[in-house]
Protein backbone atom coordinates (compact mmCIF):
# COMPACT_ATOMS: atom_id res chain seq x y z
CA MET A 1 14.80 -62.74 -19.96
CA ARG A 2 13.40 -59.31 -20.13
CA THR A 3 9.91 -60.58 -21.40
CA LEU A 4 9.82 -62.96 -18.42
CA LEU A 5 10.52 -60.14 -16.00
CA LEU A 6 7.63 -58.07 -17.49
CA ILE A 7 5.27 -61.00 -17.28
CA LEU A 8 6.23 -61.63 -13.58
CA LEU A 9 5.92 -57.96 -12.86
CA GLY A 10 2.47 -57.77 -14.59
CA ILE A 11 1.18 -60.73 -12.50
CA TRP A 12 2.45 -59.12 -9.30
CA CYS A 13 0.70 -55.97 -10.08
CA LEU A 14 -2.60 -57.80 -10.86
CA THR A 15 -2.36 -59.90 -7.72
CA ALA A 16 -1.29 -57.04 -5.43
CA TYR A 17 -3.70 -54.47 -6.44
CA GLY A 18 -6.76 -56.32 -7.96
CA VAL A 19 -7.53 -59.23 -5.77
CA ASP A 20 -8.68 -59.64 -2.13
CA GLY A 21 -7.73 -62.91 -0.59
CA VAL A 22 -10.62 -65.18 0.41
CA GLY A 23 -11.82 -64.30 3.83
CA SER A 24 -9.78 -61.12 4.03
CA GLU A 25 -11.56 -57.91 5.02
CA ALA A 26 -11.33 -55.13 2.57
CA LEU A 27 -11.17 -51.76 4.05
CA GLU A 28 -14.11 -49.42 3.15
CA LYS A 29 -13.14 -47.03 0.48
CA SER A 30 -15.61 -44.27 1.24
CA VAL A 31 -14.38 -42.15 4.15
CA CYS A 32 -15.59 -38.54 4.76
CA MET A 33 -12.81 -36.23 4.82
CA SER A 34 -15.05 -33.11 5.42
CA LEU A 35 -18.77 -32.39 6.14
CA LYS A 36 -21.15 -30.54 3.99
CA THR A 37 -22.65 -27.44 5.89
CA ARG A 38 -25.17 -26.10 3.28
CA PRO A 39 -28.50 -27.97 3.32
CA LEU A 40 -29.02 -30.57 0.47
CA PRO A 41 -32.36 -30.66 -1.22
CA VAL A 42 -34.33 -33.57 0.16
CA HIS A 43 -35.89 -34.51 -3.00
CA ARG A 44 -32.43 -35.35 -4.40
CA ILE A 45 -31.66 -37.97 -1.63
CA ARG A 46 -32.26 -41.58 -2.42
CA THR A 47 -31.01 -43.02 0.79
CA TYR A 48 -28.40 -42.63 3.56
CA THR A 49 -25.92 -44.41 5.85
CA ILE A 50 -24.62 -43.44 9.29
CA LYS A 51 -20.81 -43.51 9.67
CA GLU A 52 -19.35 -44.06 13.13
CA GLY A 53 -15.68 -43.50 13.80
CA SER A 54 -13.31 -40.73 14.37
CA LEU A 55 -15.43 -38.48 12.24
CA LYS A 56 -19.16 -39.30 12.72
CA ALA A 57 -21.10 -38.46 9.71
CA VAL A 58 -24.18 -39.09 7.81
CA ILE A 59 -23.54 -40.22 4.30
CA PHE A 60 -26.43 -39.22 1.90
CA ILE A 61 -26.65 -41.09 -1.45
CA THR A 62 -28.26 -38.93 -4.19
CA LYS A 63 -30.53 -40.22 -6.93
CA ARG A 64 -27.55 -39.53 -9.31
CA GLY A 65 -25.23 -41.74 -6.99
CA PHE A 66 -23.11 -39.12 -5.40
CA LYS A 67 -22.09 -39.52 -1.73
CA ILE A 68 -22.38 -36.50 0.45
CA CYS A 69 -21.05 -36.45 4.10
CA ALA A 70 -23.02 -34.21 6.54
CA ASN A 71 -22.75 -33.54 10.36
CA PRO A 72 -25.47 -35.62 11.97
CA GLU A 73 -26.05 -32.95 14.69
CA ASP A 74 -27.02 -30.27 12.05
CA GLU A 75 -30.85 -29.55 12.11
CA TRP A 76 -31.25 -29.88 8.29
CA VAL A 77 -29.54 -33.37 8.46
CA LYS A 78 -32.01 -34.57 10.92
CA LYS A 79 -34.91 -33.29 9.11
CA ALA A 80 -33.69 -34.88 5.90
CA ILE A 81 -33.36 -38.29 7.56
CA LYS A 82 -36.88 -37.94 8.95
CA SER A 83 -38.06 -37.15 5.44
CA VAL A 84 -36.11 -40.01 3.65
CA ASP A 85 -37.48 -42.36 6.40
CA LYS A 86 -40.90 -41.24 5.90
CA SER A 87 -40.83 -41.59 2.16
CA THR A 88 -39.31 -44.92 2.53
CA ARG A 89 -42.09 -46.22 4.74
CA ARG A 90 -44.71 -44.60 2.60
CA ASN A 91 -43.33 -46.54 -0.45
CA ALA A 92 -43.17 -49.67 1.46
CA THR A 93 -46.85 -49.53 2.45
CA GLN A 94 -47.90 -48.69 -1.03
CA THR A 95 -46.25 -51.84 -2.50
CA LYS A 96 -48.77 -54.47 -1.59
CA PRO A 97 -48.20 -58.10 -2.35
CA THR A 98 -50.36 -59.82 -4.69
CA GLY A 99 -53.21 -62.03 -3.35
CA THR A 100 -52.90 -65.55 -2.89
CA GLN A 101 -53.05 -67.42 -6.08
CA GLN A 102 -55.91 -69.73 -6.47
CA THR A 103 -55.40 -73.29 -7.39
CA THR A 104 -57.13 -74.80 -10.31
CA ASN A 105 -58.50 -78.33 -9.97
CA THR A 106 -57.56 -79.71 -13.29
CA ALA A 107 -57.33 -83.50 -13.53
CA VAL A 108 -54.66 -84.96 -15.93
CA THR A 109 -55.24 -88.48 -17.41
CA LEU A 110 -52.20 -90.27 -18.68
CA THR A 111 -52.74 -93.08 -20.88
CA GLY A 112 -50.08 -95.67 -21.65
């Protein structure tokens, strides 16, 4: 009986905390609790997202994967966003697609 209760408790824990239902909307786990006031070196920033809500913030994601919240009204944040956008555009224009592939006119003869 005790084993059965432990198994049921284990299954309940796994389903309650480990699985989101199909079609359910999972809440976003990264919420800014405070904003960084000192400037972040731009060369360490990989990308960013803008968070709207009760606390408006720019979430910078560093090259090491850290998420750092900053005030979107701060001057250093605006400059960092422009710099990241500029480097992203520059990288996009440097990556050129390969030219069209030329077709070869090779005839294949099948004999039966």
